[in-house]
Amino acid sequence: MDGEGTYKYFNTGDVYRGTFAEGQKNGQGCFEDGFDASKLEGTWDNGVFVSGKWTPKGAGAYVDYTGNSHDSVAKCPKGTEG
């Protein structure tokens, strides 16, 4: 898979919305954990989260990947479930 899309992990309920290259999360995207609804939003490289924000479940703030805290919540874009 290459380009923009949504991938739902049916065994866990996790969802990734964003860009793919050669079947891997690559570029900008948002991963939402199906268990606790925490989110990783930012830049991915060959399936690995490299920079962006992490929003824990129920948090009113997020932590960027460098450890700094902020006052807003990561929002994953809406997309078609795959």
N, C-alpha and C. Protein backbone atom coordinates (compact mmCIF):
# COMPACT_ATOMS: atom_id res chain seq x y z
N MET A 1 0.84 -1.17 0.00
CA MET A 1 0.00 0.00 0.00
C MET A 1 0.89 1.24 0.00
N ASP A 2 0.59 2.17 -0.89
CA ASP A 2 1.28 3.45 -0.96
C ASP A 2 0.25 4.57 -1.02
N GLY A 3 0.56 5.71 -0.41
CA GLY A 3 -0.34 6.86 -0.45
C GLY A 3 -1.10 7.03 0.84
N GLU A 4 -2.20 7.79 0.79
CA GLU A 4 -3.05 8.07 1.95
C GLU A 4 -4.02 6.94 2.20
N GLY A 5 -4.31 6.68 3.47
CA GLY A 5 -5.30 5.66 3.75
C GLY A 5 -5.52 5.45 5.24
N THR A 6 -6.36 4.48 5.52
CA THR A 6 -6.69 4.10 6.90
C THR A 6 -6.51 2.60 7.02
N TYR A 7 -5.86 2.18 8.11
CA TYR A 7 -5.69 0.76 8.36
C TYR A 7 -6.20 0.46 9.77
N LYS A 8 -7.13 -0.47 9.86
CA LYS A 8 -7.65 -0.88 11.16
C LYS A 8 -7.13 -2.27 11.49
N TYR A 9 -6.53 -2.38 12.67
CA TYR A 9 -6.02 -3.66 13.16
C TYR A 9 -7.19 -4.35 13.86
N PHE A 10 -7.82 -5.30 13.18
CA PHE A 10 -9.04 -5.90 13.69
C PHE A 10 -8.85 -6.70 14.98
N ASN A 11 -7.65 -7.24 15.20
CA ASN A 11 -7.43 -8.00 16.43
C ASN A 11 -7.27 -7.13 17.67
N THR A 12 -6.92 -5.83 17.49
CA THR A 12 -6.71 -4.94 18.64
C THR A 12 -7.64 -3.73 18.65
N GLY A 13 -8.22 -3.40 17.51
CA GLY A 13 -9.04 -2.20 17.40
C GLY A 13 -8.24 -0.94 17.16
N ASP A 14 -6.90 -1.06 17.06
CA ASP A 14 -6.05 0.09 16.75
C ASP A 14 -6.37 0.59 15.35
N VAL A 15 -6.21 1.90 15.13
CA VAL A 15 -6.45 2.48 13.81
C VAL A 15 -5.32 3.44 13.47
N TYR A 16 -4.80 3.34 12.26
CA TYR A 16 -3.82 4.31 11.74
C TYR A 16 -4.43 5.00 10.54
N ARG A 17 -4.41 6.33 10.56
CA ARG A 17 -4.86 7.14 9.42
C ARG A 17 -3.70 8.02 9.00
N GLY A 18 -3.30 7.92 7.75
CA GLY A 18 -2.19 8.74 7.29
C GLY A 18 -1.59 8.19 6.02
N THR A 19 -0.30 8.47 5.84
CA THR A 19 0.38 8.06 4.62
C THR A 19 1.15 6.76 4.83
N PHE A 20 1.25 6.02 3.74
CA PHE A 20 1.96 4.74 3.71
C PHE A 20 2.97 4.74 2.57
N ALA A 21 4.05 4.00 2.74
CA ALA A 21 5.01 3.73 1.67
C ALA A 21 5.43 2.28 1.81
N GLU A 22 5.25 1.52 0.75
CA GLU A 22 5.60 0.10 0.74
C GLU A 22 4.98 -0.65 1.90
N GLY A 23 3.72 -0.31 2.21
CA GLY A 23 2.97 -1.01 3.24
C GLY A 23 3.29 -0.61 4.68
N GLN A 24 4.16 0.37 4.87
CA GLN A 24 4.54 0.82 6.20
C GLN A 24 4.01 2.23 6.46
N LYS A 25 3.72 2.55 7.73
CA LYS A 25 3.39 3.92 8.10
C LYS A 25 4.60 4.79 7.74
N ASN A 26 4.36 5.83 6.94
CA ASN A 26 5.48 6.63 6.48
C ASN A 26 4.99 8.04 6.15
N GLY A 27 5.58 9.06 6.75
CA GLY A 27 5.13 10.43 6.56
C GLY A 27 4.20 10.83 7.70
N GLN A 28 3.22 11.66 7.41
CA GLN A 28 2.30 12.16 8.44
C GLN A 28 1.17 11.18 8.70
N GLY A 29 0.85 10.97 9.98
CA GLY A 29 -0.24 10.08 10.31
C GLY A 29 -0.60 10.11 11.78
N CYS A 30 -1.73 9.48 12.09
CA CYS A 30 -2.23 9.42 13.45
C CYS A 30 -2.60 7.98 13.78
N PHE A 31 -2.05 7.47 14.88
CA PHE A 31 -2.32 6.12 15.34
C PHE A 31 -3.12 6.22 16.63
N GLU A 32 -4.29 5.56 16.66
CA GLU A 32 -5.12 5.57 17.86
C GLU A 32 -5.19 4.15 18.42
N ASP A 33 -4.81 4.02 19.69
CA ASP A 33 -4.81 2.74 20.37
C ASP A 33 -6.24 2.28 20.63
N GLY A 34 -6.58 1.08 20.20
CA GLY A 34 -7.93 0.56 20.37
C GLY A 34 -8.28 0.21 21.80
N PHE A 35 -7.29 0.00 22.65
CA PHE A 35 -7.55 -0.39 24.04
C PHE A 35 -7.86 0.82 24.92
N ASP A 36 -7.00 1.85 24.83
CA ASP A 36 -7.19 2.98 25.75
C ASP A 36 -7.41 4.32 25.05
N ALA A 37 -7.50 4.34 23.72
CA ALA A 37 -7.77 5.53 22.92
C ALA A 37 -6.67 6.59 23.01
N SER A 38 -5.47 6.23 23.49
CA SER A 38 -4.37 7.18 23.42
C SER A 38 -3.98 7.34 21.95
N LYS A 39 -3.32 8.47 21.62
CA LYS A 39 -3.02 8.78 20.23
C LYS A 39 -1.56 9.17 20.05
N LEU A 40 -1.00 8.76 18.93
CA LEU A 40 0.30 9.23 18.45
C LEU A 40 0.03 9.94 17.14
N GLU A 41 0.34 11.23 17.06
CA GLU A 41 0.10 11.99 15.84
C GLU A 41 1.39 12.69 15.44
N GLY A 42 1.84 12.44 14.22
CA GLY A 42 3.06 13.09 13.78
C GLY A 42 3.70 12.39 12.61
N THR A 43 5.02 12.32 12.64
CA THR A 43 5.80 11.79 11.52
C THR A 43 6.25 10.37 11.80
N TRP A 44 6.08 9.53 10.79
CA TRP A 44 6.46 8.12 10.85
C TRP A 44 7.51 7.86 9.78
N ASP A 45 8.43 6.94 10.06
CA ASP A 45 9.46 6.55 9.09
C ASP A 45 9.58 5.04 9.10
N ASN A 46 9.18 4.43 8.00
CA ASN A 46 9.26 2.98 7.84
C ASN A 46 8.61 2.24 9.01
N GLY A 47 7.42 2.71 9.42
CA GLY A 47 6.65 2.05 10.47
C GLY A 47 6.97 2.47 11.89
N VAL A 48 7.95 3.38 12.06
CA VAL A 48 8.38 3.81 13.39
C VAL A 48 7.99 5.28 13.61
N PHE A 49 7.39 5.57 14.77
CA PHE A 49 7.03 6.95 15.14
C PHE A 49 8.31 7.70 15.47
N VAL A 50 8.58 8.81 14.76
CA VAL A 50 9.84 9.52 14.98
C VAL A 50 9.67 10.91 15.61
N SER A 51 8.52 11.57 15.39
CA SER A 51 8.31 12.86 16.03
C SER A 51 6.83 13.22 16.00
N GLY A 52 6.41 14.04 16.96
CA GLY A 52 5.02 14.46 17.00
C GLY A 52 4.51 14.53 18.42
N LYS A 53 3.23 14.21 18.59
CA LYS A 53 2.62 14.29 19.91
C LYS A 53 1.96 12.98 20.33
N TRP A 54 1.98 12.76 21.61
CA TRP A 54 1.33 11.62 22.23
C TRP A 54 0.29 12.16 23.19
N THR A 55 -0.95 11.72 23.03
CA THR A 55 -2.02 12.12 23.94
C THR A 55 -2.54 10.91 24.67
N PRO A 56 -2.29 10.80 25.99
CA PRO A 56 -2.81 9.67 26.76
C PRO A 56 -4.34 9.72 26.86
N LYS A 57 -4.95 8.60 27.14
CA LYS A 57 -6.40 8.50 27.29
C LYS A 57 -6.91 9.53 28.29
N GLY A 58 -7.97 10.24 27.89
CA GLY A 58 -8.63 11.17 28.79
C GLY A 58 -7.84 12.42 29.13
N ALA A 59 -6.71 12.61 28.48
CA ALA A 59 -5.87 13.76 28.81
C ALA A 59 -6.40 15.03 28.18
N GLY A 60 -6.24 16.13 28.86
CA GLY A 60 -6.57 17.42 28.30
C GLY A 60 -5.34 18.09 27.72
N ALA A 61 -4.26 17.36 27.69
CA ALA A 61 -3.00 17.89 27.17
C ALA A 61 -2.25 16.77 26.47
N TYR A 62 -1.20 17.13 25.77
CA TYR A 62 -0.39 16.12 25.12
C TYR A 62 1.08 16.34 25.45
N VAL A 63 1.89 15.35 25.17
CA VAL A 63 3.33 15.42 25.35
C VAL A 63 3.95 15.24 23.99
N ASP A 64 4.83 16.21 23.58
CA ASP A 64 5.48 15.99 22.29
C ASP A 64 6.57 14.95 22.47
N TYR A 65 7.06 14.45 21.38
CA TYR A 65 7.99 13.32 21.43
C TYR A 65 9.29 13.66 22.14
N THR A 66 9.56 14.95 22.36
CA THR A 66 10.76 15.36 23.09
C THR A 66 10.52 15.45 24.59
N GLY A 67 9.26 15.20 25.03
CA GLY A 67 8.95 15.20 26.44
C GLY A 67 8.32 16.48 26.96
N ASN A 68 8.13 17.49 26.10
CA ASN A 68 7.50 18.74 26.52
C ASN A 68 5.99 18.59 26.56
N SER A 69 5.32 19.16 27.57
CA SER A 69 3.87 19.05 27.67
C SER A 69 3.21 20.31 27.09
N HIS A 70 1.98 20.15 26.60
CA HIS A 70 1.23 21.23 25.97
C HIS A 70 -0.23 21.15 26.40
N ASP A 71 -1.00 22.20 26.07
CA ASP A 71 -2.37 22.31 26.56
C ASP A 71 -3.46 21.82 25.62
N SER A 72 -3.15 21.24 24.50
CA SER A 72 -4.21 20.77 23.60
C SER A 72 -4.06 19.27 23.36
N VAL A 73 -5.07 18.71 22.74
CA VAL A 73 -5.14 17.27 22.54
C VAL A 73 -4.91 16.96 21.07
N ALA A 74 -4.15 15.90 20.77
CA ALA A 74 -3.95 15.46 19.39
C ALA A 74 -5.30 15.01 18.83
N LYS A 75 -5.59 15.42 17.62
CA LYS A 75 -6.85 15.05 16.98
C LYS A 75 -6.53 14.30 15.69
N CYS A 76 -6.93 13.05 15.62
CA CYS A 76 -6.74 12.26 14.42
C CYS A 76 -7.76 12.68 13.38
N PRO A 77 -7.34 12.76 12.12
CA PRO A 77 -8.32 13.10 11.08
C PRO A 77 -9.33 11.98 10.89
N LYS A 78 -10.53 12.33 10.47
CA LYS A 78 -11.54 11.34 10.15
C LYS A 78 -11.17 10.69 8.83
N GLY A 79 -11.49 9.42 8.69
CA GLY A 79 -11.19 8.73 7.43
C GLY A 79 -12.06 7.51 7.30
N THR A 80 -11.95 6.88 6.18
CA THR A 80 -12.70 5.66 5.93
C THR A 80 -11.97 4.49 6.55
N GLU A 81 -12.66 3.74 7.33
CA GLU A 81 -12.05 2.58 7.98
C GLU A 81 -11.70 1.55 6.91
N GLY A 82 -10.50 0.94 7.06
CA GLY A 82 -10.05 -0.04 6.07
C GLY A 82 -10.24 -1.44 6.55
